[in-house]
Amino acid sequence: MELSTNEVEKASVRPRVLLVEDDPVSAYLIQQMFHAQNLPLDHATNGAIALDLHRQNRYRLVLSDWMMPEMNGVDLCRAFRRLGGPYVYFILCTSKGQKSDRVEAYDAGVDDFMTKPLDRNELSIRLRVALRILEAEEVVQRQKAELEEMNEKLNHLAVTDALTGLYNRRRFQEMLDEGFAEHMRVGDQLSLVLMDIDRFKNLNDHFGHQAGDAALQRVADILRENSRRHELPARYGGEEFAIILQRCTRSDAHIAAERFRAAIEVADWPDRPITASFGVATCGHNILTLNELISAADQALYMAKQNGRNRVEVFPEFQPVRSVSDNF
């Protein structure tokens, strides 16, 4: 009835076992049994030593005596459960046979019982059960980790632009809503930059859409590389990008936009030089709503294009904002 070497080696879970036994004779006999099962075994003479060893080694299988000085086996099991981490299969060895005792032990988190003195064949059977349960638990944890990783990837895809890797329009809108709510709640400055690659259609027409896609990706990389912690770039649509500037004043937003503009202008481009135009708007006296902030940044971007491109225009601080339908 013993576990064969092949069975132990085939198991994906081959736990090192912790034996907690204060009686040296009993400990020696149990160690010999485990040696025959080809399972490694560490020995602790009391609960305190057992917990210290577990913190170092994180055992998955514990075989503990019930009656021990200072900390009995039931209290030790409770202590193991409080530590958390990967599941520990806890077998309690006892001569107790009262139902109330065992109910108390089960409530404490004990998984199984063995009666002293231990029988070699029974130990082999109990170990088979323990290994199967630990292996099943490991499969569940692995599947859970894979599911969490898949959900994380799906969540990333849901908020990420597939071509550029920046936040997409949906996530941009969510972040802008959050930033504006924070601005309204605590008065933090909020600025918005809209930018457009200059003469992008001409690039596509002359060099092809692959060149256009490569340019969009490179611009996205430049925005990402030059963004600071409070600057959130996103792809707004087509060749247009947006950057949310949290806790950023009007003058600081102008400086930030110039930083992005210059980085694009001096970058190496394989087909032809690429530049971009920028429009900046900041919540203030004349910009009181989220729609007004977007509209003001859009109007500033239009002014940048009208005034020669490859430039930054800041929406005037006291100029009324036209509605979106009035733009252009």
C-alpha atoms as a PDB file:
ATOM      1  CA  MET A   1       0.000   0.000   0.000  1.00  0.00           C
ATOM      2  CA  GLU A   2       3.006   2.281   0.008  1.00  0.00           C
ATOM      3  CA  LEU A   3       3.378   5.085  -2.513  1.00  0.00           C
ATOM      4  CA  SER A   4       5.668   3.910  -5.285  1.00  0.00           C
ATOM      5  CA  THR A   5       8.587   6.076  -6.353  1.00  0.00           C
ATOM      6  CA  ASN A   6       6.923   6.429  -9.749  1.00  0.00           C
ATOM      7  CA  GLU A   7       3.656   7.661  -8.196  1.00  0.00           C
ATOM      8  CA  VAL A   8       5.443  10.279  -6.136  1.00  0.00           C
ATOM      9  CA  GLU A   9       7.549  11.477  -9.071  1.00  0.00           C
ATOM     10  CA  LYS A  10       4.471  11.714 -11.343  1.00  0.00           C
ATOM     11  CA  ALA A  11       2.620  13.951  -8.904  1.00  0.00           C
ATOM     12  CA  SER A  12       2.892  17.628  -9.866  1.00  0.00           C
ATOM     13  CA  VAL A  13       2.752  18.444  -6.149  1.00  0.00           C
ATOM     14  CA  ARG A  14       5.604  16.853  -4.221  1.00  0.00           C
ATOM     15  CA  PRO A  15       5.416  18.712  -0.939  1.00  0.00           C
ATOM     16  CA  ARG A  16       8.088  18.699   1.708  1.00  0.00           C
ATOM     17  CA  VAL A  17       6.262  17.576   4.822  1.00  0.00           C
ATOM     18  CA  LEU A  18       6.534  19.170   8.238  1.00  0.00           C
ATOM     19  CA  LEU A  19       6.230  16.824  11.207  1.00  0.00           C
ATOM     20  CA  VAL A  20       5.386  18.466  14.545  1.00  0.00           C
ATOM     21  CA  GLU A  21       6.031  15.955  17.320  1.00  0.00           C
ATOM     22  CA  ASP A  22       7.543  16.486  20.759  1.00  0.00           C
ATOM     23  CA  ASP A  23       8.123  12.796  21.515  1.00  0.00           C
ATOM     24  CA  PRO A  24      11.504  11.719  20.031  1.00  0.00           C
ATOM     25  CA  VAL A  25      10.573   8.023  19.708  1.00  0.00           C
ATOM     26  CA  SER A  26       7.329   8.786  17.838  1.00  0.00           C
ATOM     27  CA  ALA A  27       9.156  11.307  15.666  1.00  0.00           C
ATOM     28  CA  TYR A  28      11.823   8.748  14.722  1.00  0.00           C
ATOM     29  CA  LEU A  29       9.263   6.100  13.762  1.00  0.00           C
ATOM     30  CA  ILE A  30       7.274   8.556  11.627  1.00  0.00           C
ATOM     31  CA  GLN A  31      10.450   9.783   9.919  1.00  0.00           C
ATOM     32  CA  GLN A  32      11.235   6.194   8.930  1.00  0.00           C
ATOM     33  CA  MET A  33       7.739   5.799   7.463  1.00  0.00           C
ATOM     34  CA  PHE A  34       8.124   8.934   5.353  1.00  0.00           C
ATOM     35  CA  HIS A  35      11.546   7.847   4.212  1.00  0.00           C
ATOM     36  CA  ALA A  36       9.906   4.671   2.908  1.00  0.00           C
ATOM     37  CA  GLN A  37       7.389   6.843   1.000  1.00  0.00           C
ATOM     38  CA  ASN A  38      10.182   8.850  -0.691  1.00  0.00           C
ATOM     39  CA  LEU A  39       8.760  12.070   0.717  1.00  0.00           C
ATOM     40  CA  PRO A  40      11.107  14.632   2.334  1.00  0.00           C
ATOM     41  CA  LEU A  41      10.324  15.453   5.953  1.00  0.00           C
ATOM     42  CA  ASP A  42      11.345  18.217   8.357  1.00  0.00           C
ATOM     43  CA  HIS A  43      10.821  17.897  12.089  1.00  0.00           C
ATOM     44  CA  ALA A  44       9.759  20.498  14.646  1.00  0.00           C
ATOM     45  CA  THR A  45       9.491  19.667  18.340  1.00  0.00           C
ATOM     46  CA  ASN A  46       6.864  22.330  19.158  1.00  0.00           C
ATOM     47  CA  GLY A  47       4.416  24.746  17.586  1.00  0.00           C
ATOM     48  CA  ALA A  48       6.651  27.830  17.753  1.00  0.00           C
ATOM     49  CA  ILE A  49       9.466  26.074  15.887  1.00  0.00           C
ATOM     50  CA  ALA A  50       6.924  24.733  13.366  1.00  0.00           C
ATOM     51  CA  LEU A  51       5.641  28.229  12.573  1.00  0.00           C
ATOM     52  CA  ASP A  52       9.179  29.571  12.165  1.00  0.00           C
ATOM     53  CA  LEU A  53      10.025  26.728   9.773  1.00  0.00           C
ATOM     54  CA  HIS A  54       6.814  27.313   7.837  1.00  0.00           C
ATOM     55  CA  ARG A  55       7.575  31.005   7.366  1.00  0.00           C
ATOM     56  CA  GLN A  56      10.875  29.979   5.796  1.00  0.00           C
ATOM     57  CA  ASN A  57       9.718  27.004   3.702  1.00  0.00           C
ATOM     58  CA  ARG A  58       5.944  27.340   3.194  1.00  0.00           C
ATOM     59  CA  TYR A  59       5.018  23.682   3.676  1.00  0.00           C
ATOM     60  CA  ARG A  60       1.976  22.278   1.898  1.00  0.00           C
ATOM     61  CA  LEU A  61       1.519  19.214   4.157  1.00  0.00           C
ATOM     62  CA  VAL A  62       1.739  19.168   7.966  1.00  0.00           C
ATOM     63  CA  LEU A  63       1.488  16.130  10.228  1.00  0.00           C
ATOM     64  CA  SER A  64       1.104  17.256  13.828  1.00  0.00           C
ATOM     65  CA  ASP A  65       0.580  15.674  17.221  1.00  0.00           C
ATOM     66  CA  TRP A  66      -2.486  16.952  19.056  1.00  0.00           C
ATOM     67  CA  MET A  67      -1.226  16.987  22.640  1.00  0.00           C
ATOM     68  CA  MET A  68       1.887  19.146  22.926  1.00  0.00           C
ATOM     69  CA  PRO A  69       3.096  21.629  25.587  1.00  0.00           C
ATOM     70  CA  GLU A  70       2.527  25.387  25.108  1.00  0.00           C
ATOM     71  CA  MET A  71       0.634  25.043  21.810  1.00  0.00           C
ATOM     72  CA  ASN A  72      -1.483  22.007  20.966  1.00  0.00           C
ATOM     73  CA  GLY A  73      -2.129  20.741  17.463  1.00  0.00           C
ATOM     74  CA  VAL A  74      -5.521  22.446  17.088  1.00  0.00           C
ATOM     75  CA  ASP A  75      -4.119  25.840  18.068  1.00  0.00           C
ATOM     76  CA  LEU A  76      -1.188  25.248  15.716  1.00  0.00           C
ATOM     77  CA  CYS A  77      -3.601  24.594  12.851  1.00  0.00           C
ATOM     78  CA  ARG A  78      -5.417  27.845  13.616  1.00  0.00           C
ATOM     79  CA  ALA A  79      -2.066  29.669  13.517  1.00  0.00           C
ATOM     80  CA  PHE A  80      -1.246  28.119  10.122  1.00  0.00           C
ATOM     81  CA  ARG A  81      -4.605  29.222   8.707  1.00  0.00           C
ATOM     82  CA  ARG A  82      -4.035  32.780   9.923  1.00  0.00           C
ATOM     83  CA  LEU A  83      -0.714  32.942   8.068  1.00  0.00           C
ATOM     84  CA  GLY A  84      -2.472  32.491   4.722  1.00  0.00           C
ATOM     85  CA  GLY A  85      -0.589  31.676   1.530  1.00  0.00           C
ATOM     86  CA  PRO A  86      -0.890  28.432  -0.484  1.00  0.00           C
ATOM     87  CA  TYR A  87      -3.202  25.892   1.093  1.00  0.00           C
ATOM     88  CA  VAL A  88      -1.675  23.671   3.794  1.00  0.00           C
ATOM     89  CA  TYR A  89      -3.129  20.180   4.198  1.00  0.00           C
ATOM     90  CA  PHE A  90      -3.150  19.580   7.972  1.00  0.00           C
ATOM     91  CA  ILE A  91      -3.276  16.059   9.445  1.00  0.00           C
ATOM     92  CA  LEU A  92      -3.696  15.748  13.198  1.00  0.00           C
ATOM     93  CA  CYS A  93      -2.375  12.681  15.048  1.00  0.00           C
ATOM     94  CA  THR A  94      -4.215  11.802  18.242  1.00  0.00           C
ATOM     95  CA  SER A  95      -5.522   9.126  20.505  1.00  0.00           C
ATOM     96  CA  LYS A  96      -8.620  11.229  21.186  1.00  0.00           C
ATOM     97  CA  GLY A  97     -11.824   9.715  19.922  1.00  0.00           C
ATOM     98  CA  GLN A  98     -14.532  12.032  21.236  1.00  0.00           C
ATOM     99  CA  LYS A  99     -16.788  13.517  18.564  1.00  0.00           C
ATOM    100  CA  SER A 100     -16.707  16.954  20.235  1.00  0.00           C
ATOM    101  CA  ASP A 101     -12.903  16.990  20.069  1.00  0.00           C
ATOM    102  CA  ARG A 102     -12.898  16.250  16.385  1.00  0.00           C
ATOM    103  CA  VAL A 103     -15.598  18.835  15.674  1.00  0.00           C
ATOM    104  CA  GLU A 104     -13.408  21.430  17.397  1.00  0.00           C
ATOM    105  CA  ALA A 105     -10.452  20.368  15.259  1.00  0.00           C
ATOM    106  CA  TYR A 106     -12.456  20.500  12.026  1.00  0.00           C
ATOM    107  CA  ASP A 107     -13.675  23.978  12.956  1.00  0.00           C
ATOM    108  CA  ALA A 108     -10.029  25.014  13.424  1.00  0.00           C
ATOM    109  CA  GLY A 109      -9.227  23.925   9.865  1.00  0.00           C
ATOM    110  CA  VAL A 110      -7.862  20.396  10.348  1.00  0.00           C
ATOM    111  CA  ASP A 111      -8.239  18.304   7.173  1.00  0.00           C
ATOM    112  CA  ASP A 112      -7.724  14.756   8.426  1.00  0.00           C
ATOM    113  CA  PHE A 113      -6.997  12.630  11.496  1.00  0.00           C
ATOM    114  CA  MET A 114      -4.758   9.666  12.179  1.00  0.00           C
ATOM    115  CA  THR A 115      -4.866   7.546  15.296  1.00  0.00           C
ATOM    116  CA  LYS A 116      -1.732   6.903  17.299  1.00  0.00           C
ATOM    117  CA  PRO A 117       0.270   4.765  17.017  1.00  0.00           C
ATOM    118  CA  LEU A 118       0.385   5.370  13.268  1.00  0.00           C
ATOM    119  CA  ASP A 119      -0.108   2.465  10.908  1.00  0.00           C
ATOM    120  CA  ARG A 120       2.229   2.412   7.892  1.00  0.00           C
ATOM    121  CA  ASN A 121      -0.450   1.294   5.404  1.00  0.00           C
ATOM    122  CA  GLU A 122      -2.990   3.820   6.681  1.00  0.00           C
ATOM    123  CA  LEU A 123      -0.382   6.570   6.457  1.00  0.00           C
ATOM    124  CA  SER A 124       0.270   5.626   2.824  1.00  0.00           C
ATOM    125  CA  ILE A 125      -3.453   5.862   2.012  1.00  0.00           C
ATOM    126  CA  ARG A 126      -3.852   9.210   3.789  1.00  0.00           C
ATOM    127  CA  LEU A 127      -0.846  10.590   1.938  1.00  0.00           C
ATOM    128  CA  ARG A 128      -2.364   9.513  -1.391  1.00  0.00           C
ATOM    129  CA  VAL A 129      -5.512  11.467  -0.521  1.00  0.00           C
ATOM    130  CA  ALA A 130      -3.509  14.501   0.625  1.00  0.00           C
ATOM    131  CA  LEU A 131      -1.442  14.560  -2.574  1.00  0.00           C
ATOM    132  CA  ARG A 132      -4.558  14.308  -4.750  1.00  0.00           C
ATOM    133  CA  ILE A 133      -6.216  17.178  -2.907  1.00  0.00           C
ATOM    134  CA  LEU A 134      -3.112  19.361  -3.046  1.00  0.00           C
ATOM    135  CA  GLU A 135      -2.691  18.613  -6.740  1.00  0.00           C
ATOM    136  CA  ALA A 136      -6.329  19.517  -7.421  1.00  0.00           C
ATOM    137  CA  GLU A 137      -5.919  22.707  -5.401  1.00  0.00           C
ATOM    138  CA  GLU A 138      -2.809  23.587  -7.396  1.00  0.00           C
ATOM    139  CA  VAL A 139      -4.718  23.081 -10.656  1.00  0.00           C
ATOM    140  CA  VAL A 140      -7.475  25.384  -9.402  1.00  0.00           C
ATOM    141  CA  GLN A 141      -4.949  28.057  -8.394  1.00  0.00           C
ATOM    142  CA  ARG A 142      -3.171  27.773 -11.745  1.00  0.00           C
ATOM    143  CA  GLN A 143      -6.472  28.127 -13.607  1.00  0.00           C
ATOM    144  CA  LYS A 144      -7.384  31.086 -11.420  1.00  0.00           C
ATOM    145  CA  ALA A 145      -4.047  32.769 -12.210  1.00  0.00           C
ATOM    146  CA  GLU A 146      -4.534  32.121 -15.936  1.00  0.00           C
ATOM    147  CA  LEU A 147      -8.065  33.541 -15.772  1.00  0.00           C
ATOM    148  CA  GLU A 148      -6.847  36.646 -13.937  1.00  0.00           C
ATOM    149  CA  GLU A 149      -4.097  37.110 -16.509  1.00  0.00           C
ATOM    150  CA  MET A 150      -6.630  36.724 -19.330  1.00  0.00           C
ATOM    151  CA  ASN A 151      -8.990  39.226 -17.698  1.00  0.00           C
ATOM    152  CA  GLU A 152      -6.109  41.649 -17.276  1.00  0.00           C
ATOM    153  CA  LYS A 153      -5.251  41.319 -20.957  1.00  0.00           C
ATOM    154  CA  LEU A 154      -8.896  41.802 -21.948  1.00  0.00           C
ATOM    155  CA  ASN A 155      -9.177  44.866 -19.720  1.00  0.00           C
ATOM    156  CA  HIS A 156      -5.992  46.223 -21.284  1.00  0.00           C
ATOM    157  CA  LEU A 157      -7.334  45.643 -24.784  1.00  0.00           C
ATOM    158  CA  ALA A 158     -10.614  47.315 -23.879  1.00  0.00           C
ATOM    159  CA  VAL A 159      -8.874  50.601 -23.019  1.00  0.00           C
ATOM    160  CA  THR A 160      -5.928  50.480 -25.444  1.00  0.00           C
ATOM    161  CA  ASP A 161      -5.650  51.580 -29.052  1.00  0.00           C
ATOM    162  CA  ALA A 162      -4.536  48.529 -31.027  1.00  0.00           C
ATOM    163  CA  LEU A 163      -2.206  50.384 -33.400  1.00  0.00           C
ATOM    164  CA  THR A 164      -0.392  52.776 -31.071  1.00  0.00           C
ATOM    165  CA  GLY A 165      -0.666  51.116 -27.651  1.00  0.00           C
ATOM    166  CA  LEU A 166      -1.886  54.395 -26.126  1.00  0.00           C
ATOM    167  CA  TYR A 167      -5.182  54.724 -24.293  1.00  0.00           C
ATOM    168  CA  ASN A 168      -8.093  54.641 -26.735  1.00  0.00           C
ATOM    169  CA  ARG A 169     -10.881  57.219 -27.146  1.00  0.00           C
ATOM    170  CA  ARG A 170     -13.128  55.416 -24.675  1.00  0.00           C
ATOM    171  CA  ARG A 171     -10.498  55.380 -21.917  1.00  0.00           C
ATOM    172  CA  PHE A 172      -9.545  58.977 -22.721  1.00  0.00           C
ATOM    173  CA  GLN A 173     -13.113  60.062 -22.111  1.00  0.00           C
ATOM    174  CA  GLU A 174     -13.217  58.162 -18.816  1.00  0.00           C
ATOM    175  CA  MET A 175      -9.962  59.746 -17.630  1.00  0.00           C
ATOM    176  CA  LEU A 176     -11.117  63.187 -18.679  1.00  0.00           C
ATOM    177  CA  ASP A 177     -14.399  62.707 -16.798  1.00  0.00           C
ATOM    178  CA  GLU A 178     -12.429  61.637 -13.707  1.00  0.00           C
ATOM    179  CA  GLY A 179     -10.042  64.575 -14.007  1.00  0.00           C
ATOM    180  CA  PHE A 180     -12.862  67.067 -14.414  1.00  0.00           C
ATOM    181  CA  ALA A 181     -14.715  65.611 -11.427  1.00  0.00           C
ATOM    182  CA  GLU A 182     -11.540  66.039  -9.355  1.00  0.00           C
ATOM    183  CA  HIS A 183     -11.199  69.607 -10.633  1.00  0.00           C
ATOM    184  CA  MET A 184     -14.755  70.401  -9.580  1.00  0.00           C
ATOM    185  CA  ARG A 185     -14.382  68.679  -6.196  1.00  0.00           C
ATOM    186  CA  VAL A 186     -11.055  70.053  -4.949  1.00  0.00           C
ATOM    187  CA  GLY A 187     -10.194  72.785  -7.433  1.00  0.00           C
ATOM    188  CA  ASP A 188      -7.180  71.106  -9.038  1.00  0.00           C
ATOM    189  CA  GLN A 189      -6.084  72.662 -12.312  1.00  0.00           C
ATOM    190  CA  LEU A 190      -6.993  70.658 -15.410  1.00  0.00           C
ATOM    191  CA  SER A 191      -5.660  71.246 -18.916  1.00  0.00           C
ATOM    192  CA  LEU A 192      -6.213  69.467 -22.193  1.00  0.00           C
ATOM    193  CA  VAL A 193      -3.978  69.276 -25.263  1.00  0.00           C
ATOM    194  CA  LEU A 194      -5.294  68.171 -28.646  1.00  0.00           C
ATOM    195  CA  MET A 195      -2.720  67.574 -31.376  1.00  0.00           C
ATOM    196  CA  ASP A 196      -2.885  66.656 -35.035  1.00  0.00           C
ATOM    197  CA  ILE A 197      -0.117  65.348 -37.312  1.00  0.00           C
ATOM    198  CA  ASP A 198       0.454  67.949 -40.017  1.00  0.00           C
ATOM    199  CA  ARG A 199      -0.462  66.940 -43.576  1.00  0.00           C
ATOM    200  CA  PHE A 200      -0.979  63.335 -42.640  1.00  0.00           C
ATOM    201  CA  LYS A 201      -3.122  62.626 -45.708  1.00  0.00           C
ATOM    202  CA  ASN A 202      -0.234  63.724 -47.895  1.00  0.00           C
ATOM    203  CA  LEU A 203       2.025  61.202 -46.108  1.00  0.00           C
ATOM    204  CA  ASN A 204      -0.464  58.390 -46.733  1.00  0.00           C
ATOM    205  CA  ASP A 205      -0.961  59.372 -50.381  1.00  0.00           C
ATOM    206  CA  HIS A 206       2.753  59.531 -51.202  1.00  0.00           C
ATOM    207  CA  PHE A 207       4.235  56.750 -49.063  1.00  0.00           C
ATOM    208  CA  GLY A 208       1.296  54.430 -48.404  1.00  0.00           C
ATOM    209  CA  HIS A 209      -0.796  53.488 -45.402  1.00  0.00           C
ATOM    210  CA  GLN A 210       1.958  51.355 -43.890  1.00  0.00           C
ATOM    211  CA  ALA A 211       4.134  54.454 -43.676  1.00  0.00           C
ATOM    212  CA  GLY A 212       1.185  56.302 -42.158  1.00  0.00           C
ATOM    213  CA  ASP A 213       0.684  53.604 -39.545  1.00  0.00           C
ATOM    214  CA  ALA A 214       4.398  53.620 -38.741  1.00  0.00           C
ATOM    215  CA  ALA A 215       4.267  57.392 -38.276  1.00  0.00           C
ATOM    216  CA  LEU A 216       1.288  57.110 -35.917  1.00  0.00           C
ATOM    217  CA  GLN A 217       3.146  54.499 -33.875  1.00  0.00           C
ATOM    218  CA  ARG A 218       6.288  56.624 -33.705  1.00  0.00           C
ATOM    219  CA  VAL A 219       4.347  59.706 -32.651  1.00  0.00           C
ATOM    220  CA  ALA A 220       2.651  57.635 -29.943  1.00  0.00           C
ATOM    221  CA  ASP A 221       6.065  56.445 -28.749  1.00  0.00           C
ATOM    222  CA  ILE A 222       7.325  60.028 -28.596  1.00  0.00           C
ATOM    223  CA  LEU A 223       4.297  61.143 -26.584  1.00  0.00           C
ATOM    224  CA  ARG A 224       4.723  58.202 -24.219  1.00  0.00           C
ATOM    225  CA  GLU A 225       8.472  58.745 -23.793  1.00  0.00           C
ATOM    226  CA  ASN A 226       8.076  62.462 -23.106  1.00  0.00           C
ATOM    227  CA  SER A 227       5.055  62.251 -20.798  1.00  0.00           C
ATOM    228  CA  ARG A 228       5.442  62.928 -17.121  1.00  0.00           C
ATOM    229  CA  ARG A 229       3.525  61.237 -14.338  1.00  0.00           C
ATOM    230  CA  HIS A 230       0.554  63.616 -14.455  1.00  0.00           C
ATOM    231  CA  GLU A 231       0.359  63.674 -18.289  1.00  0.00           C
ATOM    232  CA  LEU A 232      -1.910  61.082 -19.899  1.00  0.00           C
ATOM    233  CA  PRO A 233      -1.619  60.695 -23.686  1.00  0.00           C
ATOM    234  CA  ALA A 234      -4.300  58.933 -25.743  1.00  0.00           C
ATOM    235  CA  ARG A 235      -5.211  58.410 -29.364  1.00  0.00           C
ATOM    236  CA  TYR A 236      -8.166  60.674 -30.014  1.00  0.00           C
ATOM    237  CA  GLY A 237      -8.946  59.405 -33.512  1.00  0.00           C
ATOM    238  CA  GLY A 238      -7.254  59.118 -36.904  1.00  0.00           C
ATOM    239  CA  GLU A 239      -4.085  61.220 -36.817  1.00  0.00           C
ATOM    240  CA  GLU A 240      -5.268  63.168 -33.779  1.00  0.00           C
ATOM    241  CA  PHE A 241      -4.006  62.632 -30.235  1.00  0.00           C
ATOM    242  CA  ALA A 242      -5.008  64.033 -26.855  1.00  0.00           C
ATOM    243  CA  ILE A 243      -3.055  64.605 -23.655  1.00  0.00           C
ATOM    244  CA  ILE A 244      -4.782  65.159 -20.321  1.00  0.00           C
ATOM    245  CA  LEU A 245      -2.659  67.318 -18.023  1.00  0.00           C
ATOM    246  CA  GLN A 246      -3.651  66.815 -14.392  1.00  0.00           C
ATOM    247  CA  ARG A 247      -2.916  69.557 -11.870  1.00  0.00           C
ATOM    248  CA  CYS A 248      -1.448  71.656 -14.672  1.00  0.00           C
ATOM    249  CA  THR A 249      -1.855  75.419 -15.059  1.00  0.00           C
ATOM    250  CA  ARG A 250      -2.373  77.192 -18.354  1.00  0.00           C
ATOM    251  CA  SER A 251       1.282  78.274 -18.644  1.00  0.00           C
ATOM    252  CA  ASP A 252       2.596  74.836 -17.633  1.00  0.00           C
ATOM    253  CA  ALA A 253       0.302  73.223 -20.202  1.00  0.00           C
ATOM    254  CA  HIS A 254       1.770  75.515 -22.873  1.00  0.00           C
ATOM    255  CA  ILE A 255       5.300  74.456 -21.870  1.00  0.00           C
ATOM    256  CA  ALA A 256       4.317  70.772 -21.921  1.00  0.00           C
ATOM    257  CA  ALA A 257       2.781  71.075 -25.380  1.00  0.00           C
ATOM    258  CA  GLU A 258       5.959  72.760 -26.652  1.00  0.00           C
ATOM    259  CA  ARG A 259       7.975  69.877 -25.228  1.00  0.00           C
ATOM    260  CA  PHE A 260       5.894  67.360 -27.193  1.00  0.00           C
ATOM    261  CA  ARG A 261       5.961  69.473 -30.349  1.00  0.00           C
ATOM    262  CA  ALA A 262       9.751  69.857 -30.297  1.00  0.00           C
ATOM    263  CA  ALA A 263      10.271  66.130 -29.639  1.00  0.00           C
ATOM    264  CA  ILE A 264       8.228  65.251 -32.730  1.00  0.00           C
ATOM    265  CA  GLU A 265       9.972  67.861 -34.876  1.00  0.00           C
ATOM    266  CA  VAL A 266      13.534  66.680 -34.075  1.00  0.00           C
ATOM    267  CA  ALA A 267      12.816  62.948 -34.296  1.00  0.00           C
ATOM    268  CA  ASP A 268      14.284  60.878 -37.121  1.00  0.00           C
ATOM    269  CA  TRP A 269      11.676  60.131 -39.786  1.00  0.00           C
ATOM    270  CA  PRO A 270      12.308  57.616 -42.587  1.00  0.00           C
ATOM    271  CA  ASP A 271      10.123  59.106 -45.331  1.00  0.00           C
ATOM    272  CA  ARG A 272       9.826  62.851 -44.729  1.00  0.00           C
ATOM    273  CA  PRO A 273       9.978  65.216 -41.736  1.00  0.00           C
ATOM    274  CA  ILE A 274       6.853  65.066 -39.586  1.00  0.00           C
ATOM    275  CA  THR A 275       5.498  67.840 -37.431  1.00  0.00           C
ATOM    276  CA  ALA A 276       2.326  68.340 -35.415  1.00  0.00           C
ATOM    277  CA  SER A 277       0.032  71.181 -34.389  1.00  0.00           C
ATOM    278  CA  PHE A 278      -1.208  71.602 -30.832  1.00  0.00           C
ATOM    279  CA  GLY A 279      -4.191  73.233 -29.189  1.00  0.00           C
ATOM    280  CA  VAL A 280      -4.201  73.857 -25.430  1.00  0.00           C
ATOM    281  CA  ALA A 281      -7.106  74.729 -23.126  1.00  0.00           C
ATOM    282  CA  THR A 282      -7.361  75.037 -19.345  1.00  0.00           C
ATOM    283  CA  CYS A 283     -10.395  75.129 -17.091  1.00  0.00           C
ATOM    284  CA  GLY A 284     -10.892  78.673 -15.848  1.00  0.00           C
ATOM    285  CA  HIS A 285     -12.995  81.815 -16.067  1.00  0.00           C
ATOM    286  CA  ASN A 286     -14.330  81.120 -19.541  1.00  0.00           C
ATOM    287  CA  ILE A 287     -14.158  77.307 -19.520  1.00  0.00           C
ATOM    288  CA  LEU A 288     -16.574  75.927 -16.970  1.00  0.00           C
ATOM    289  CA  THR A 289     -17.732  72.605 -18.391  1.00  0.00           C
ATOM    290  CA  LEU A 290     -16.111  69.539 -19.856  1.00  0.00           C
ATOM    291  CA  ASN A 291     -17.638  70.195 -23.273  1.00  0.00           C
ATOM    292  CA  GLU A 292     -16.233  73.722 -23.192  1.00  0.00           C
ATOM    293  CA  LEU A 293     -12.766  72.373 -22.357  1.00  0.00           C
ATOM    294  CA  ILE A 294     -12.799  69.992 -25.332  1.00  0.00           C
ATOM    295  CA  SER A 295     -14.241  72.632 -27.641  1.00  0.00           C
ATOM    296  CA  ALA A 296     -11.662  75.231 -26.541  1.00  0.00           C
ATOM    297  CA  ALA A 297      -8.750  72.817 -27.132  1.00  0.00           C
ATOM    298  CA  ASP A 298     -10.233  71.961 -30.531  1.00  0.00           C
ATOM    299  CA  GLN A 299     -10.523  75.629 -31.462  1.00  0.00           C
ATOM    300  CA  ALA A 300      -6.943  76.266 -30.331  1.00  0.00           C
ATOM    301  CA  LEU A 301      -5.782  73.361 -32.507  1.00  0.00           C
ATOM    302  CA  TYR A 302      -7.635  74.879 -35.465  1.00  0.00           C
ATOM    303  CA  MET A 303      -5.850  78.203 -34.824  1.00  0.00           C
ATOM    304  CA  ALA A 304      -2.485  76.399 -34.818  1.00  0.00           C
ATOM    305  CA  LYS A 305      -3.220  74.923 -38.220  1.00  0.00           C
ATOM    306  CA  GLN A 306      -4.489  78.245 -39.576  1.00  0.00           C
ATOM    307  CA  ASN A 307      -1.373  80.034 -38.318  1.00  0.00           C
ATOM    308  CA  GLY A 308       1.096  77.803 -40.131  1.00  0.00           C
ATOM    309  CA  ARG A 309       1.128  74.398 -38.421  1.00  0.00           C
ATOM    310  CA  ASN A 310       3.955  72.928 -36.312  1.00  0.00           C
ATOM    311  CA  ARG A 311       3.050  75.272 -33.490  1.00  0.00           C
ATOM    312  CA  VAL A 312       1.213  75.475 -30.176  1.00  0.00           C
ATOM    313  CA  GLU A 313      -1.793  77.718 -29.675  1.00  0.00           C
ATOM    314  CA  VAL A 314      -3.365  78.302 -26.264  1.00  0.00           C
ATOM    315  CA  PHE A 315      -7.022  79.188 -26.062  1.00  0.00           C
ATOM    316  CA  PRO A 316      -7.265  82.792 -24.748  1.00  0.00           C
ATOM    317  CA  GLU A 317      -8.049  83.020 -21.056  1.00  0.00           C
ATOM    318  CA  PHE A 318     -11.101  85.271 -21.334  1.00  0.00           C
ATOM    319  CA  GLN A 319     -12.360  84.534 -24.846  1.00  0.00           C
ATOM    320  CA  PRO A 320     -15.819  82.954 -24.987  1.00  0.00           C
ATOM    321  CA  VAL A 321     -15.853  79.346 -26.158  1.00  0.00           C
ATOM    322  CA  ARG A 322     -17.929  78.635 -29.232  1.00  0.00           C
ATOM    323  CA  SER A 323     -20.103  75.552 -29.143  1.00  0.00           C
ATOM    324  CA  VAL A 324     -18.830  72.477 -30.945  1.00  0.00           C
ATOM    325  CA  SER A 325     -21.298  72.987 -33.801  1.00  0.00           C
ATOM    326  CA  ASP A 326     -19.830  76.462 -34.443  1.00  0.00           C
ATOM    327  CA  ASN A 327     -16.271  75.189 -34.922  1.00  0.00           C
ATOM    328  CA  PHE A 328     -14.704  75.559 -38.385  1.00  0.00           C
END
